[in-house]
Amino acid sequence: MLPYEVYKVAHLVGLAVLFAALGGLLFAARDVDGKPPRALLVLHGVGVVLMLVGGFGLLARNGIQWPWPNWVLVKAGLWVVLAAMPWPIRKFGLGGAWIALVLAASVGVAVVMVRQRIP
């Protein structure tokens, strides 16, 4: 098992990569078919995986096991929302302001949930 700090850095770097990719997907130029650059989708996937590995590593290092506390379930749900976010961006071409608001709200909820855990 890796040290706590490694999982924490992986989780936070994954968050930064994920949001950089989502920002790029929101505002990147589209090709002829209306698709965003493939590199941004790959970056999004890398960020999602880093967040997942880092998050589960942090849970293991803190000794949190099933059944998970409610704050973990909420954060897992937010992870699913963030992981699925390229789909509405690509499929419907939703405006950047609406998606940016959802992204900002998801980070706010995630911060509140993790603060529930930290004494």
PDB file of N, CA and C in Angstrom:
ATOM      1  N   MET A   1       0.848  -1.179   0.000  1.00  0.00           N
ATOM      2  CA  MET A   1       0.000   0.000   0.000  1.00  0.00           C
ATOM      3  C   MET A   1       0.892   1.241   0.000  1.00  0.00           C
ATOM      4  N   LEU A   2       0.496   2.206  -0.786  1.00  0.00           N
ATOM      5  CA  LEU A   2       1.250   3.446  -0.909  1.00  0.00           C
ATOM      6  C   LEU A   2       0.941   4.376   0.268  1.00  0.00           C
ATOM      7  N   PRO A   3       1.815   5.356   0.503  1.00  0.00           N
ATOM      8  CA  PRO A   3       1.553   6.310   1.585  1.00  0.00           C
ATOM      9  C   PRO A   3       0.298   7.160   1.323  1.00  0.00           C
ATOM     10  N   TYR A   4      -0.284   7.640   2.378  1.00  0.00           N
ATOM     11  CA  TYR A   4      -1.489   8.470   2.338  1.00  0.00           C
ATOM     12  C   TYR A   4      -1.312   9.654   1.384  1.00  0.00           C
ATOM     13  N   GLU A   5      -0.153  10.306   1.459  1.00  0.00           N
ATOM     14  CA  GLU A   5       0.093  11.505   0.660  1.00  0.00           C
ATOM     15  C   GLU A   5       0.071  11.208  -0.835  1.00  0.00           C
ATOM     16  N   VAL A   6       0.527  10.035  -1.237  1.00  0.00           N
ATOM     17  CA  VAL A   6       0.525   9.668  -2.653  1.00  0.00           C
ATOM     18  C   VAL A   6      -0.912   9.567  -3.163  1.00  0.00           C
ATOM     19  N   TYR A   7      -1.783   8.936  -2.387  1.00  0.00           N
ATOM     20  CA  TYR A   7      -3.183   8.836  -2.786  1.00  0.00           C
ATOM     21  C   TYR A   7      -3.857  10.208  -2.829  1.00  0.00           C
ATOM     22  N   LYS A   8      -3.518  11.050  -1.875  1.00  0.00           N
ATOM     23  CA  LYS A   8      -4.118  12.379  -1.840  1.00  0.00           C
ATOM     24  C   LYS A   8      -3.685  13.203  -3.049  1.00  0.00           C
ATOM     25  N   VAL A   9      -2.397  13.151  -3.378  1.00  0.00           N
ATOM     26  CA  VAL A   9      -1.900  13.877  -4.547  1.00  0.00           C
ATOM     27  C   VAL A   9      -2.527  13.314  -5.820  1.00  0.00           C
ATOM     28  N   ALA A  10      -2.620  11.999  -5.936  1.00  0.00           N
ATOM     29  CA  ALA A  10      -3.234  11.387  -7.124  1.00  0.00           C
ATOM     30  C   ALA A  10      -4.684  11.843  -7.261  1.00  0.00           C
ATOM     31  N   HIS A  11      -5.409  11.880  -6.151  1.00  0.00           N
ATOM     32  CA  HIS A  11      -6.805  12.299  -6.174  1.00  0.00           C
ATOM     33  C   HIS A  11      -6.933  13.754  -6.623  1.00  0.00           C
ATOM     34  N   LEU A  12      -6.110  14.632  -6.088  1.00  0.00           N
ATOM     35  CA  LEU A  12      -6.192  16.052  -6.423  1.00  0.00           C
ATOM     36  C   LEU A  12      -5.680  16.341  -7.834  1.00  0.00           C
ATOM     37  N   VAL A  13      -4.621  15.647  -8.251  1.00  0.00           N
ATOM     38  CA  VAL A  13      -4.140  15.811  -9.635  1.00  0.00           C
ATOM     39  C   VAL A  13      -5.201  15.310 -10.605  1.00  0.00           C
ATOM     40  N   GLY A  14      -5.851  14.201 -10.266  1.00  0.00           N
ATOM     41  CA  GLY A  14      -6.934  13.696 -11.104  1.00  0.00           C
ATOM     42  C   GLY A  14      -8.053  14.712 -11.230  1.00  0.00           C
ATOM     43  N   LEU A  15      -8.382  15.374 -10.127  1.00  0.00           N
ATOM     44  CA  LEU A  15      -9.412  16.413 -10.157  1.00  0.00           C
ATOM     45  C   LEU A  15      -9.004  17.560 -11.081  1.00  0.00           C
ATOM     46  N   ALA A  16      -7.751  17.994 -10.975  1.00  0.00           N
ATOM     47  CA  ALA A  16      -7.270  19.093 -11.820  1.00  0.00           C
ATOM     48  C   ALA A  16      -7.273  18.698 -13.299  1.00  0.00           C
ATOM     49  N   VAL A  17      -6.813  17.495 -13.595  1.00  0.00           N
ATOM     50  CA  VAL A  17      -6.790  17.023 -14.987  1.00  0.00           C
ATOM     51  C   VAL A  17      -8.213  16.902 -15.525  1.00  0.00           C
ATOM     52  N   LEU A  18      -9.102  16.348 -14.716  1.00  0.00           N
ATOM     53  CA  LEU A  18     -10.490  16.184 -15.133  1.00  0.00           C
ATOM     54  C   LEU A  18     -11.132  17.531 -15.460  1.00  0.00           C
ATOM     55  N   PHE A  19     -10.937  18.516 -14.589  1.00  0.00           N
ATOM     56  CA  PHE A  19     -11.553  19.816 -14.835  1.00  0.00           C
ATOM     57  C   PHE A  19     -10.876  20.566 -15.974  1.00  0.00           C
ATOM     58  N   ALA A  20      -9.595  20.382 -16.166  1.00  0.00           N
ATOM     59  CA  ALA A  20      -8.938  20.983 -17.329  1.00  0.00           C
ATOM     60  C   ALA A  20      -9.509  20.395 -18.619  1.00  0.00           C
ATOM     61  N   ALA A  21      -9.703  19.087 -18.621  1.00  0.00           N
ATOM     62  CA  ALA A  21     -10.260  18.428 -19.807  1.00  0.00           C
ATOM     63  C   ALA A  21     -11.704  18.874 -20.039  1.00  0.00           C
ATOM     64  N   LEU A  22     -12.502  18.969 -18.984  1.00  0.00           N
ATOM     65  CA  LEU A  22     -13.883  19.407 -19.150  1.00  0.00           C
ATOM     66  C   LEU A  22     -13.957  20.858 -19.628  1.00  0.00           C
ATOM     67  N   GLY A  23     -13.085  21.696 -19.116  1.00  0.00           N
ATOM     68  CA  GLY A  23     -13.023  23.071 -19.613  1.00  0.00           C
ATOM     69  C   GLY A  23     -12.656  23.110 -21.083  1.00  0.00           C
ATOM     70  N   GLY A  24     -11.709  22.277 -21.476  1.00  0.00           N
ATOM     71  CA  GLY A  24     -11.349  22.190 -22.885  1.00  0.00           C
ATOM     72  C   GLY A  24     -12.495  21.680 -23.732  1.00  0.00           C
ATOM     73  N   LEU A  25     -13.223  20.683 -23.222  1.00  0.00           N
ATOM     74  CA  LEU A  25     -14.367  20.156 -23.969  1.00  0.00           C
ATOM     75  C   LEU A  25     -15.466  21.210 -24.136  1.00  0.00           C
ATOM     76  N   LEU A  26     -15.633  22.041 -23.122  1.00  0.00           N
ATOM     77  CA  LEU A  26     -16.663  23.081 -23.203  1.00  0.00           C
ATOM     78  C   LEU A  26     -16.330  24.144 -24.243  1.00  0.00           C
ATOM     79  N   PHE A  27     -15.054  24.477 -24.360  1.00  0.00           N
ATOM     80  CA  PHE A  27     -14.692  25.640 -25.167  1.00  0.00           C
ATOM     81  C   PHE A  27     -13.780  25.329 -26.340  1.00  0.00           C
ATOM     82  N   ALA A  28     -13.482  24.055 -26.590  1.00  0.00           N
ATOM     83  CA  ALA A  28     -12.600  23.695 -27.694  1.00  0.00           C
ATOM     84  C   ALA A  28     -13.315  23.836 -29.031  1.00  0.00           C
ATOM     85  N   ALA A  29     -12.528  24.097 -30.039  1.00  0.00           N
ATOM     86  CA  ALA A  29     -13.076  24.128 -31.394  1.00  0.00           C
ATOM     87  C   ALA A  29     -13.443  22.705 -31.799  1.00  0.00           C
ATOM     88  N   ARG A  30     -14.549  22.565 -32.486  1.00  0.00           N
ATOM     89  CA  ARG A  30     -15.023  21.258 -32.932  1.00  0.00           C
ATOM     90  C   ARG A  30     -14.525  20.981 -34.349  1.00  0.00           C
ATOM     91  N   ASP A  31     -14.448  19.699 -34.691  1.00  0.00           N
ATOM     92  CA  ASP A  31     -14.070  19.357 -36.056  1.00  0.00           C
ATOM     93  C   ASP A  31     -15.298  19.438 -36.965  1.00  0.00           C
ATOM     94  N   VAL A  32     -15.168  18.974 -38.173  1.00  0.00           N
ATOM     95  CA  VAL A  32     -16.249  19.073 -39.152  1.00  0.00           C
ATOM     96  C   VAL A  32     -17.500  18.341 -38.683  1.00  0.00           C
ATOM     97  N   ASP A  33     -17.340  17.215 -37.993  1.00  0.00           N
ATOM     98  CA  ASP A  33     -18.476  16.437 -37.506  1.00  0.00           C
ATOM     99  C   ASP A  33     -19.029  16.960 -36.185  1.00  0.00           C
ATOM    100  N   GLY A  34     -18.435  18.006 -35.640  1.00  0.00           N
ATOM    101  CA  GLY A  34     -18.906  18.564 -34.381  1.00  0.00           C
ATOM    102  C   GLY A  34     -18.337  17.860 -33.153  1.00  0.00           C
ATOM    103  N   LYS A  35     -17.305  17.057 -33.350  1.00  0.00           N
ATOM    104  CA  LYS A  35     -16.707  16.324 -32.226  1.00  0.00           C
ATOM    105  C   LYS A  35     -15.529  17.106 -31.662  1.00  0.00           C
ATOM    106  N   PRO A  36     -15.336  17.031 -30.334  1.00  0.00           N
ATOM    107  CA  PRO A  36     -14.191  17.714 -29.721  1.00  0.00           C
ATOM    108  C   PRO A  36     -12.904  16.920 -29.979  1.00  0.00           C
ATOM    109  N   PRO A  37     -11.752  17.537 -29.728  1.00  0.00           N
ATOM    110  CA  PRO A  37     -10.488  16.825 -29.914  1.00  0.00           C
ATOM    111  C   PRO A  37     -10.417  15.566 -29.036  1.00  0.00           C
ATOM    112  N   ARG A  38      -9.945  14.492 -29.622  1.00  0.00           N
ATOM    113  CA  ARG A  38      -9.849  13.206 -28.915  1.00  0.00           C
ATOM    114  C   ARG A  38      -8.930  13.287 -27.695  1.00  0.00           C
ATOM    115  N   ALA A  39      -7.890  14.106 -27.776  1.00  0.00           N
ATOM    116  CA  ALA A  39      -6.946  14.228 -26.664  1.00  0.00           C
ATOM    117  C   ALA A  39      -7.650  14.707 -25.394  1.00  0.00           C
ATOM    118  N   LEU A  40      -8.647  15.562 -25.532  1.00  0.00           N
ATOM    119  CA  LEU A  40      -9.376  16.037 -24.355  1.00  0.00           C
ATOM    120  C   LEU A  40     -10.198  14.921 -23.726  1.00  0.00           C
ATOM    121  N   LEU A  41     -10.756  14.054 -24.551  1.00  0.00           N
ATOM    122  CA  LEU A  41     -11.508  12.917 -24.009  1.00  0.00           C
ATOM    123  C   LEU A  41     -10.576  11.943 -23.292  1.00  0.00           C
ATOM    124  N   VAL A  42      -9.386  11.752 -23.843  1.00  0.00           N
ATOM    125  CA  VAL A  42      -8.406  10.880 -23.194  1.00  0.00           C
ATOM    126  C   VAL A  42      -7.963  11.490 -21.865  1.00  0.00           C
ATOM    127  N   LEU A  43      -7.700  12.798 -21.863  1.00  0.00           N
ATOM    128  CA  LEU A  43      -7.324  13.482 -20.621  1.00  0.00           C
ATOM    129  C   LEU A  43      -8.417  13.360 -19.577  1.00  0.00           C
ATOM    130  N   HIS A  44      -9.653  13.482 -19.992  1.00  0.00           N
ATOM    131  CA  HIS A  44     -10.779  13.331 -19.072  1.00  0.00           C
ATOM    132  C   HIS A  44     -10.757  11.940 -18.452  1.00  0.00           C
ATOM    133  N   GLY A  45     -10.546  10.919 -19.263  1.00  0.00           N
ATOM    134  CA  GLY A  45     -10.482   9.546 -18.759  1.00  0.00           C
ATOM    135  C   GLY A  45      -9.344   9.343 -17.774  1.00  0.00           C
ATOM    136  N   VAL A  46      -8.203   9.938 -18.062  1.00  0.00           N
ATOM    137  CA  VAL A  46      -7.057   9.833 -17.149  1.00  0.00           C
ATOM    138  C   VAL A  46      -7.401  10.491 -15.813  1.00  0.00           C
ATOM    139  N   GLY A  47      -8.019  11.652 -15.863  1.00  0.00           N
ATOM    140  CA  GLY A  47      -8.414  12.338 -14.628  1.00  0.00           C
ATOM    141  C   GLY A  47      -9.408  11.538 -13.812  1.00  0.00           C
ATOM    142  N   VAL A  48     -10.386  10.923 -14.498  1.00  0.00           N
ATOM    143  CA  VAL A  48     -11.397  10.116 -13.812  1.00  0.00           C
ATOM    144  C   VAL A  48     -10.741   8.923 -13.111  1.00  0.00           C
ATOM    145  N   VAL A  49      -9.823   8.259 -13.799  1.00  0.00           N
ATOM    146  CA  VAL A  49      -9.155   7.090 -13.207  1.00  0.00           C
ATOM    147  C   VAL A  49      -8.275   7.507 -12.035  1.00  0.00           C
ATOM    148  N   LEU A  50      -7.532   8.611 -12.177  1.00  0.00           N
ATOM    149  CA  LEU A  50      -6.696   9.078 -11.064  1.00  0.00           C
ATOM    150  C   LEU A  50      -7.543   9.427  -9.840  1.00  0.00           C
ATOM    151  N   MET A  51      -8.675  10.071 -10.064  1.00  0.00           N
ATOM    152  CA  MET A  51      -9.553  10.395  -8.936  1.00  0.00           C
ATOM    153  C   MET A  51     -10.069   9.131  -8.267  1.00  0.00           C
ATOM    154  N   LEU A  52     -10.439   8.149  -9.061  1.00  0.00           N
ATOM    155  CA  LEU A  52     -10.974   6.903  -8.514  1.00  0.00           C
ATOM    156  C   LEU A  52      -9.924   6.159  -7.703  1.00  0.00           C
ATOM    157  N   VAL A  53      -8.743   5.987  -8.276  1.00  0.00           N
ATOM    158  CA  VAL A  53      -7.673   5.265  -7.580  1.00  0.00           C
ATOM    159  C   VAL A  53      -7.259   6.010  -6.319  1.00  0.00           C
ATOM    160  N   GLY A  54      -7.090   7.332  -6.440  1.00  0.00           N
ATOM    161  CA  GLY A  54      -6.721   8.120  -5.275  1.00  0.00           C
ATOM    162  C   GLY A  54      -7.784   8.095  -4.192  1.00  0.00           C
ATOM    163  N   GLY A  55      -9.042   8.200  -4.588  1.00  0.00           N
ATOM    164  CA  GLY A  55     -10.137   8.185  -3.619  1.00  0.00           C
ATOM    165  C   GLY A  55     -10.251   6.871  -2.883  1.00  0.00           C
ATOM    166  N   PHE A  56     -10.179   5.761  -3.617  1.00  0.00           N
ATOM    167  CA  PHE A  56     -10.262   4.460  -2.945  1.00  0.00           C
ATOM    168  C   PHE A  56      -9.018   4.183  -2.105  1.00  0.00           C
ATOM    169  N   GLY A  57      -7.874   4.679  -2.551  1.00  0.00           N
ATOM    170  CA  GLY A  57      -6.668   4.550  -1.736  1.00  0.00           C
ATOM    171  C   GLY A  57      -6.794   5.309  -0.425  1.00  0.00           C
ATOM    172  N   LEU A  58      -7.378   6.505  -0.494  1.00  0.00           N
ATOM    173  CA  LEU A  58      -7.595   7.288   0.729  1.00  0.00           C
ATOM    174  C   LEU A  58      -8.582   6.598   1.661  1.00  0.00           C
ATOM    175  N   LEU A  59      -9.628   6.002   1.081  1.00  0.00           N
ATOM    176  CA  LEU A  59     -10.577   5.259   1.917  1.00  0.00           C
ATOM    177  C   LEU A  59      -9.871   4.103   2.627  1.00  0.00           C
ATOM    178  N   ALA A  60      -9.053   3.372   1.893  1.00  0.00           N
ATOM    179  CA  ALA A  60      -8.351   2.233   2.485  1.00  0.00           C
ATOM    180  C   ALA A  60      -7.379   2.687   3.567  1.00  0.00           C
ATOM    181  N   ARG A  61      -6.647   3.771   3.293  1.00  0.00           N
ATOM    182  CA  ARG A  61      -5.682   4.275   4.278  1.00  0.00           C
ATOM    183  C   ARG A  61      -6.363   4.784   5.544  1.00  0.00           C
ATOM    184  N   ASN A  62      -7.589   5.276   5.415  1.00  0.00           N
ATOM    185  CA  ASN A  62      -8.335   5.759   6.581  1.00  0.00           C
ATOM    186  C   ASN A  62      -9.140   4.656   7.249  1.00  0.00           C
ATOM    187  N   GLY A  63      -9.092   3.441   6.704  1.00  0.00           N
ATOM    188  CA  GLY A  63      -9.794   2.315   7.307  1.00  0.00           C
ATOM    189  C   GLY A  63     -11.299   2.353   7.120  1.00  0.00           C
ATOM    190  N   ILE A  64     -11.770   3.035   6.091  1.00  0.00           N
ATOM    191  CA  ILE A  64     -13.208   3.126   5.836  1.00  0.00           C
ATOM    192  C   ILE A  64     -13.610   1.953   4.962  1.00  0.00           C
ATOM    193  N   GLN A  65     -14.522   1.130   5.468  1.00  0.00           N
ATOM    194  CA  GLN A  65     -14.953  -0.066   4.758  1.00  0.00           C
ATOM    195  C   GLN A  65     -16.450  -0.019   4.520  1.00  0.00           C
ATOM    196  N   TRP A  66     -16.919  -1.009   3.762  1.00  0.00           N
ATOM    197  CA  TRP A  66     -18.349  -1.135   3.490  1.00  0.00           C
ATOM    198  C   TRP A  66     -19.073  -1.510   4.762  1.00  0.00           C
ATOM    199  N   PRO A  67     -20.208  -1.004   5.089  1.00  0.00           N
ATOM    200  CA  PRO A  67     -20.972   0.000   4.354  1.00  0.00           C
ATOM    201  C   PRO A  67     -20.348   1.381   4.507  1.00  0.00           C
ATOM    202  N   TRP A  68     -20.274   2.079   3.397  1.00  0.00           N
ATOM    203  CA  TRP A  68     -19.658   3.398   3.404  1.00  0.00           C
ATOM    204  C   TRP A  68     -20.549   4.419   4.094  1.00  0.00           C
ATOM    205  N   PRO A  69     -19.922   5.424   4.706  1.00  0.00           N
ATOM    206  CA  PRO A  69     -20.700   6.530   5.265  1.00  0.00           C
ATOM    207  C   PRO A  69     -21.386   7.320   4.133  1.00  0.00           C
ATOM    208  N   ASN A  70     -22.383   8.095   4.494  1.00  0.00           N
ATOM    209  CA  ASN A  70     -23.145   8.845   3.492  1.00  0.00           C
ATOM    210  C   ASN A  70     -22.283   9.804   2.682  1.00  0.00           C
ATOM    211  N   TRP A  71     -21.296  10.433   3.311  1.00  0.00           N
ATOM    212  CA  TRP A  71     -20.468  11.379   2.568  1.00  0.00           C
ATOM    213  C   TRP A  71     -19.701  10.683   1.462  1.00  0.00           C
ATOM    214  N   VAL A  72     -19.304   9.435   1.657  1.00  0.00           N
ATOM    215  CA  VAL A  72     -18.600   8.689   0.603  1.00  0.00           C
ATOM    216  C   VAL A  72     -19.565   8.374  -0.536  1.00  0.00           C
ATOM    217  N   LEU A  73     -20.786   8.006  -0.207  1.00  0.00           N
ATOM    218  CA  LEU A  73     -21.776   7.712  -1.241  1.00  0.00           C
ATOM    219  C   LEU A  73     -22.085   8.949  -2.085  1.00  0.00           C
ATOM    220  N   VAL A  74     -22.185  10.105  -1.436  1.00  0.00           N
ATOM    221  CA  VAL A  74     -22.439  11.348  -2.173  1.00  0.00           C
ATOM    222  C   VAL A  74     -21.272  11.650  -3.107  1.00  0.00           C
ATOM    223  N   LYS A  75     -20.048  11.499  -2.605  1.00  0.00           N
ATOM    224  CA  LYS A  75     -18.886  11.770  -3.442  1.00  0.00           C
ATOM    225  C   LYS A  75     -18.771  10.763  -4.586  1.00  0.00           C
ATOM    226  N   ALA A  76     -19.154   9.519  -4.357  1.00  0.00           N
ATOM    227  CA  ALA A  76     -19.153   8.530  -5.439  1.00  0.00           C
ATOM    228  C   ALA A  76     -20.180   8.911  -6.501  1.00  0.00           C
ATOM    229  N   GLY A  77     -21.328   9.410  -6.072  1.00  0.00           N
ATOM    230  CA  GLY A  77     -22.330   9.879  -7.019  1.00  0.00           C
ATOM    231  C   GLY A  77     -21.841  11.072  -7.829  1.00  0.00           C
ATOM    232  N   LEU A  78     -21.150  11.990  -7.179  1.00  0.00           N
ATOM    233  CA  LEU A  78     -20.577  13.131  -7.892  1.00  0.00           C
ATOM    234  C   LEU A  78     -19.521  12.678  -8.886  1.00  0.00           C
ATOM    235  N   TRP A  79     -18.756  11.659  -8.514  1.00  0.00           N
ATOM    236  CA  TRP A  79     -17.753  11.116  -9.428  1.00  0.00           C
ATOM    237  C   TRP A  79     -18.427  10.579 -10.692  1.00  0.00           C
ATOM    238  N   VAL A  80     -19.556   9.898 -10.524  1.00  0.00           N
ATOM    239  CA  VAL A  80     -20.288   9.373 -11.683  1.00  0.00           C
ATOM    240  C   VAL A  80     -20.762  10.532 -12.567  1.00  0.00           C
ATOM    241  N   VAL A  81     -21.270  11.587 -11.950  1.00  0.00           N
ATOM    242  CA  VAL A  81     -21.730  12.753 -12.719  1.00  0.00           C
ATOM    243  C   VAL A  81     -20.567  13.363 -13.501  1.00  0.00           C
ATOM    244  N   LEU A  82     -19.436  13.547 -12.843  1.00  0.00           N
ATOM    245  CA  LEU A  82     -18.273  14.128 -13.520  1.00  0.00           C
ATOM    246  C   LEU A  82     -17.730  13.208 -14.609  1.00  0.00           C
ATOM    247  N   ALA A  83     -17.772  11.909 -14.355  1.00  0.00           N
ATOM    248  CA  ALA A  83     -17.290  10.953 -15.356  1.00  0.00           C
ATOM    249  C   ALA A  83     -18.183  10.954 -16.591  1.00  0.00           C
ATOM    250  N   ALA A  84     -19.460  11.205 -16.408  1.00  0.00           N
ATOM    251  CA  ALA A  84     -20.409  11.177 -17.528  1.00  0.00           C
ATOM    252  C   ALA A  84     -20.548  12.531 -18.219  1.00  0.00           C
ATOM    253  N   MET A  85     -19.951  13.579 -17.701  1.00  0.00           N
ATOM    254  CA  MET A  85     -20.158  14.928 -18.216  1.00  0.00           C
ATOM    255  C   MET A  85     -19.782  15.120 -19.690  1.00  0.00           C
ATOM    256  N   PRO A  86     -18.800  14.431 -20.260  1.00  0.00           N
ATOM    257  CA  PRO A  86     -18.550  14.624 -21.695  1.00  0.00           C
ATOM    258  C   PRO A  86     -19.729  14.218 -22.578  1.00  0.00           C
ATOM    259  N   TRP A  87     -20.564  13.319 -22.106  1.00  0.00           N
ATOM    260  CA  TRP A  87     -21.682  12.875 -22.929  1.00  0.00           C
ATOM    261  C   TRP A  87     -22.651  14.012 -23.258  1.00  0.00           C
ATOM    262  N   PRO A  88     -23.176  14.759 -22.256  1.00  0.00           N
ATOM    263  CA  PRO A  88     -24.075  15.861 -22.649  1.00  0.00           C
ATOM    264  C   PRO A  88     -23.355  16.955 -23.426  1.00  0.00           C
ATOM    265  N   ILE A  89     -22.072  17.152 -23.140  1.00  0.00           N
ATOM    266  CA  ILE A  89     -21.330  18.176 -23.872  1.00  0.00           C
ATOM    267  C   ILE A  89     -21.238  17.784 -25.344  1.00  0.00           C
ATOM    268  N   ARG A  90     -20.929  16.518 -25.617  1.00  0.00           N
ATOM    269  CA  ARG A  90     -20.790  16.057 -27.003  1.00  0.00           C
ATOM    270  C   ARG A  90     -22.144  15.854 -27.677  1.00  0.00           C
ATOM    271  N   LYS A  91     -23.081  15.285 -26.961  1.00  0.00           N
ATOM    272  CA  LYS A  91     -24.350  14.895 -27.572  1.00  0.00           C
ATOM    273  C   LYS A  91     -25.254  16.085 -27.850  1.00  0.00           C
ATOM    274  N   PHE A  92     -25.376  16.955 -26.886  1.00  0.00           N
ATOM    275  CA  PHE A  92     -26.336  18.042 -26.994  1.00  0.00           C
ATOM    276  C   PHE A  92     -25.704  19.405 -27.231  1.00  0.00           C
ATOM    277  N   GLY A  93     -24.382  19.487 -27.085  1.00  0.00           N
ATOM    278  CA  GLY A  93     -23.735  20.776 -27.273  1.00  0.00           C
ATOM    279  C   GLY A  93     -24.246  21.829 -26.307  1.00  0.00           C
ATOM    280  N   LEU A  94     -24.478  21.402 -25.065  1.00  0.00           N
ATOM    281  CA  LEU A  94     -25.020  22.332 -24.074  1.00  0.00           C
ATOM    282  C   LEU A  94     -24.081  23.514 -23.874  1.00  0.00           C
ATOM    283  N   GLY A  95     -24.657  24.641 -23.541  1.00  0.00           N
ATOM    284  CA  GLY A  95     -23.877  25.856 -23.366  1.00  0.00           C
ATOM    285  C   GLY A  95     -22.890  25.763 -22.218  1.00  0.00           C
ATOM    286  N   GLY A  96     -21.791  26.441 -22.358  1.00  0.00           N
ATOM    287  CA  GLY A  96     -20.730  26.397 -21.367  1.00  0.00           C
ATOM    288  C   GLY A  96     -21.140  26.912 -20.002  1.00  0.00           C
ATOM    289  N   ALA A  97     -21.999  27.920 -19.954  1.00  0.00           N
ATOM    290  CA  ALA A  97     -22.376  28.506 -18.663  1.00  0.00           C
ATOM    291  C   ALA A  97     -23.162  27.513 -17.814  1.00  0.00           C
ATOM    292  N   TRP A  98     -24.087  26.794 -18.396  1.00  0.00           N
ATOM    293  CA  TRP A  98     -24.899  25.829 -17.651  1.00  0.00           C
ATOM    294  C   TRP A  98     -24.029  24.688 -17.115  1.00  0.00           C
ATOM    295  N   ILE A  99     -23.177  24.145 -17.969  1.00  0.00           N
ATOM    296  CA  ILE A  99     -22.291  23.052 -17.551  1.00  0.00           C
ATOM    297  C   ILE A  99     -21.295  23.551 -16.505  1.00  0.00           C
ATOM    298  N   ALA A 100     -20.753  24.739 -16.692  1.00  0.00           N
ATOM    299  CA  ALA A 100     -19.800  25.288 -15.721  1.00  0.00           C
ATOM    300  C   ALA A 100     -20.457  25.444 -14.356  1.00  0.00           C
ATOM    301  N   LEU A 101     -21.715  25.820 -14.329  1.00  0.00           N
ATOM    302  CA  LEU A 101     -22.438  25.935 -13.062  1.00  0.00           C
ATOM    303  C   LEU A 101     -22.589  24.573 -12.394  1.00  0.00           C
ATOM    304  N   VAL A 102     -22.910  23.548 -13.151  1.00  0.00           N
ATOM    305  CA  VAL A 102     -23.021  22.190 -12.608  1.00  0.00           C
ATOM    306  C   VAL A 102     -21.672  21.722 -12.067  1.00  0.00           C
ATOM    307  N   LEU A 103     -20.604  21.999 -12.792  1.00  0.00           N
ATOM    308  CA  LEU A 103     -19.266  21.600 -12.342  1.00  0.00           C
ATOM    309  C   LEU A 103     -18.872  22.311 -11.053  1.00  0.00           C
ATOM    310  N   ALA A 104     -19.125  23.603 -10.984  1.00  0.00           N
ATOM    311  CA  ALA A 104     -18.794  24.352  -9.769  1.00  0.00           C
ATOM    312  C   ALA A 104     -19.615  23.861  -8.578  1.00  0.00           C
ATOM    313  N   ALA A 105     -20.887  23.587  -8.797  1.00  0.00           N
ATOM    314  CA  ALA A 105     -21.732  23.080  -7.716  1.00  0.00           C
ATOM    315  C   ALA A 105     -21.273  21.710  -7.249  1.00  0.00           C
ATOM    316  N   SER A 106     -20.828  20.869  -8.178  1.00  0.00           N
ATOM    317  CA  SER A 106     -20.363  19.534  -7.781  1.00  0.00           C
ATOM    318  C   SER A 106     -19.111  19.618  -6.923  1.00  0.00           C
ATOM    319  N   VAL A 107     -18.220  20.531  -7.237  1.00  0.00           N
ATOM    320  CA  VAL A 107     -17.022  20.703  -6.403  1.00  0.00           C
ATOM    321  C   VAL A 107     -17.410  21.228  -5.026  1.00  0.00           C
ATOM    322  N   GLY A 108     -18.337  22.164  -4.985  1.00  0.00           N
ATOM    323  CA  GLY A 108     -18.795  22.686  -3.697  1.00  0.00           C
ATOM    324  C   GLY A 108     -19.397  21.612  -2.820  1.00  0.00           C
ATOM    325  N   VAL A 109     -20.236  20.776  -3.397  1.00  0.00           N
ATOM    326  CA  VAL A 109     -20.842  19.678  -2.631  1.00  0.00           C
ATOM    327  C   VAL A 109     -19.772  18.697  -2.171  1.00  0.00           C
ATOM    328  N   ALA A 110     -18.814  18.384  -3.040  1.00  0.00           N
ATOM    329  CA  ALA A 110     -17.746  17.447  -2.672  1.00  0.00           C
ATOM    330  C   ALA A 110     -16.916  17.985  -1.507  1.00  0.00           C
ATOM    331  N   VAL A 111     -16.627  19.268  -1.513  1.00  0.00           N
ATOM    332  CA  VAL A 111     -15.845  19.862  -0.428  1.00  0.00           C
ATOM    333  C   VAL A 111     -16.629  19.806   0.880  1.00  0.00           C
ATOM    334  N   VAL A 112     -17.916  20.113   0.824  1.00  0.00           N
ATOM    335  CA  VAL A 112     -18.744  20.041   2.031  1.00  0.00           C
ATOM    336  C   VAL A 112     -18.788  18.617   2.562  1.00  0.00           C
ATOM    337  N   MET A 113     -18.911  17.652   1.671  1.00  0.00           N
ATOM    338  CA  MET A 113     -18.986  16.247   2.095  1.00  0.00           C
ATOM    339  C   MET A 113     -17.686  15.769   2.736  1.00  0.00           C
ATOM    340  N   VAL A 114     -16.563  16.162   2.182  1.00  0.00           N
ATOM    341  CA  VAL A 114     -15.298  15.719   2.781  1.00  0.00           C
ATOM    342  C   VAL A 114     -15.056  16.431   4.106  1.00  0.00           C
ATOM    343  N   ARG A 115     -15.570  17.630   4.246  1.00  0.00           N
ATOM    344  CA  ARG A 115     -15.438  18.336   5.517  1.00  0.00           C
ATOM    345  C   ARG A 115     -16.266  17.647   6.607  1.00  0.00           C
ATOM    346  N   GLN A 116     -17.276  16.884   6.210  1.00  0.00           N
ATOM    347  CA  GLN A 116     -18.056  16.108   7.169  1.00  0.00           C
ATOM    348  C   GLN A 116     -17.186  15.044   7.824  1.00  0.00           C
ATOM    349  N   ARG A 117     -16.170  14.596   7.119  1.00  0.00           N
ATOM    350  CA  ARG A 117     -15.308  13.520   7.595  1.00  0.00           C
ATOM    351  C   ARG A 117     -14.180  14.045   8.467  1.00  0.00           C
ATOM    352  N   ILE A 118     -13.654  15.214   8.107  1.00  0.00           N
ATOM    353  CA  ILE A 118     -12.484  15.742   8.811  1.00  0.00           C
ATOM    354  C   ILE A 118     -12.933  16.441  10.087  1.00  0.00           C
ATOM    355  N   PRO A 119     -12.426  16.016  11.235  1.00  0.00           N
ATOM    356  CA  PRO A 119     -12.828  16.634  12.506  1.00  0.00           C
ATOM    357  C   PRO A 119     -12.284  18.049  12.659  1.00  0.00           C
TER     358      PRO A 119
END
